[in-house]
Amino acid sequence: MSSANNPLGSIFISHRAIAAIASHTTMESYGVVGLAAKSLAEGLSQVLVKDPILGVDVDFQDNVVEIELYVIVEYGVRIKSVASSISENVKYRIEKDTGLTVDHVDVHIRGLRISNSD
């Protein structure tokens, strides 16, 4: 959990809040179909309980944020361009919304999905 002090009191930002921002920003990116589970155990738990921050891992170290995203992209898009766009957009949005410094955003492409042309 990140915290900051101001003259009126303290501000605490949880991992889940940052993960929610990252998840929402990722889903808005071009070429992204969805987020994927980090592991088999997380995938099985997702069947039982729907977690809105599936596929997002957030780490804090001295007010510096590190994010890992596990993404499924659309078949036919340039994977490198999509991953780069996701990384830049997530970093910008979290720094703008929270005022924290984002050290890096790692994007792991977990799969490709072919859309129905019907």
Protein backbone atom coordinates (compact mmCIF):
# COMPACT_ATOMS: atom_id res chain seq x y z
CA MET A 1 0.00 0.00 0.00
CA SER A 2 1.29 3.42 -0.93
CA SER A 3 0.74 6.41 1.29
CA ALA A 4 1.27 10.15 1.10
CA ASN A 5 0.82 12.92 3.63
CA ASN A 6 -0.65 16.35 3.05
CA PRO A 7 -1.72 19.16 5.43
CA LEU A 8 -5.24 17.72 5.72
CA GLY A 9 -4.26 14.10 6.45
CA SER A 10 -2.93 10.95 4.86
CA ILE A 11 -3.74 9.31 1.54
CA PHE A 12 -3.49 5.54 1.14
CA ILE A 13 -3.62 3.85 -2.27
CA SER A 14 -4.10 0.07 -2.26
CA HIS A 15 -2.70 -2.48 -4.69
CA ARG A 16 -6.24 -3.27 -5.82
CA ALA A 17 -6.94 0.37 -6.74
CA ILE A 18 -3.84 0.54 -8.91
CA ALA A 19 -4.61 -2.87 -10.42
CA ALA A 20 -8.13 -1.69 -11.27
CA ILE A 21 -6.74 1.37 -13.09
CA ALA A 22 -4.27 -0.84 -14.98
CA SER A 23 -6.97 -3.39 -15.88
CA HIS A 24 -9.40 -0.76 -17.15
CA THR A 25 -6.71 1.01 -19.18
CA THR A 26 -5.52 -2.27 -20.69
CA MET A 27 -9.02 -3.25 -21.77
CA GLU A 28 -9.41 0.11 -23.55
CA SER A 29 -6.27 -0.50 -25.63
CA TYR A 30 -6.53 -1.42 -29.30
CA GLY A 31 -6.08 -5.12 -30.05
CA VAL A 32 -6.76 -6.38 -26.52
CA VAL A 33 -9.39 -9.09 -26.19
CA GLY A 34 -9.03 -9.64 -22.45
CA LEU A 35 -6.80 -10.32 -19.49
CA ALA A 36 -5.57 -13.82 -18.66
CA ALA A 37 -4.81 -15.62 -15.42
CA LYS A 38 -1.20 -15.49 -14.20
CA SER A 39 -1.26 -19.15 -13.22
CA LEU A 40 -3.44 -22.23 -13.29
CA ALA A 41 -4.45 -21.69 -9.66
CA GLU A 42 -5.62 -18.15 -10.40
CA GLY A 43 -7.49 -19.41 -13.44
CA LEU A 44 -9.34 -22.00 -11.34
CA SER A 45 -10.20 -19.47 -8.65
CA GLN A 46 -11.59 -17.17 -11.37
CA VAL A 47 -14.17 -19.85 -12.18
CA LEU A 48 -15.48 -19.65 -8.61
CA VAL A 49 -15.14 -15.92 -7.92
CA LYS A 50 -15.04 -13.25 -10.64
CA ASP A 51 -12.14 -10.92 -9.90
CA PRO A 52 -12.09 -7.64 -11.85
CA ILE A 53 -8.30 -7.39 -11.60
CA LEU A 54 -7.54 -10.80 -13.10
CA GLY A 55 -4.20 -10.80 -14.92
CA VAL A 56 -2.73 -7.78 -13.14
CA ASP A 57 0.14 -7.98 -10.65
CA VAL A 58 1.21 -4.83 -8.76
CA ASP A 59 4.34 -4.41 -6.61
CA PHE A 60 5.36 -1.37 -4.54
CA GLN A 61 8.92 -0.55 -3.59
CA ASP A 62 9.50 2.86 -1.94
CA ASN A 63 6.64 4.68 -3.73
CA VAL A 64 7.69 3.17 -7.06
CA VAL A 65 5.18 0.90 -8.79
CA GLU A 66 5.99 -2.15 -10.90
CA ILE A 67 3.18 -3.75 -12.90
CA GLU A 68 2.85 -7.04 -14.74
CA LEU A 69 -0.05 -7.60 -17.14
CA TYR A 70 -1.14 -10.93 -18.64
CA VAL A 71 -3.02 -10.20 -21.86
CA ILE A 72 -4.89 -11.95 -24.68
CA VAL A 73 -4.73 -10.07 -27.98
CA GLU A 74 -6.65 -10.18 -31.23
CA TYR A 75 -5.24 -12.40 -33.96
CA GLY A 76 -3.75 -10.35 -36.81
CA VAL A 77 -2.57 -7.32 -34.84
CA ARG A 78 1.10 -6.43 -34.44
CA ILE A 79 1.85 -7.92 -31.04
CA LYS A 80 4.87 -5.71 -30.38
CA SER A 81 2.91 -2.54 -31.16
CA VAL A 82 -0.04 -3.59 -28.99
CA ALA A 83 2.23 -4.51 -26.05
CA SER A 84 4.15 -1.24 -26.35
CA SER A 85 0.91 0.76 -26.50
CA ILE A 86 -0.49 -1.04 -23.42
CA SER A 87 2.71 -0.40 -21.48
CA GLU A 88 2.80 3.32 -22.31
CA ASN A 89 -0.92 3.86 -21.68
CA VAL A 90 -0.93 2.05 -18.32
CA LYS A 91 2.19 3.88 -17.14
CA TYR A 92 0.75 7.27 -18.14
CA ARG A 93 -2.67 6.63 -16.58
CA ILE A 94 -1.35 5.39 -13.23
CA GLU A 95 1.16 8.24 -12.92
CA LYS A 96 -1.55 10.76 -13.84
CA ASP A 97 -4.27 9.33 -11.58
CA THR A 98 -2.20 8.51 -8.49
CA GLY A 99 0.90 10.71 -8.66
CA LEU A 100 3.10 7.64 -8.10
CA THR A 101 6.14 6.82 -10.21
CA VAL A 102 5.83 3.73 -12.40
CA ASP A 103 9.20 2.04 -12.86
CA HIS A 104 8.07 -0.38 -15.54
CA VAL A 105 5.08 -2.19 -16.98
CA ASP A 106 5.72 -5.73 -18.20
CA VAL A 107 3.19 -7.07 -20.71
CA HIS A 108 2.99 -10.86 -21.07
CA ILE A 109 1.02 -12.01 -24.13
CA ARG A 110 -0.75 -15.19 -22.97
CA GLY A 111 -2.68 -15.94 -26.12
CA LEU A 112 -4.30 -14.90 -29.38
CA ARG A 113 -8.03 -14.96 -30.07
CA ILE A 114 -9.61 -15.16 -33.51
CA SER A 115 -12.82 -13.15 -33.75
CA ASN A 116 -15.90 -14.40 -35.50
CA SER A 117 -16.35 -12.60 -38.81
CA ASP A 118 -20.10 -13.31 -38.77
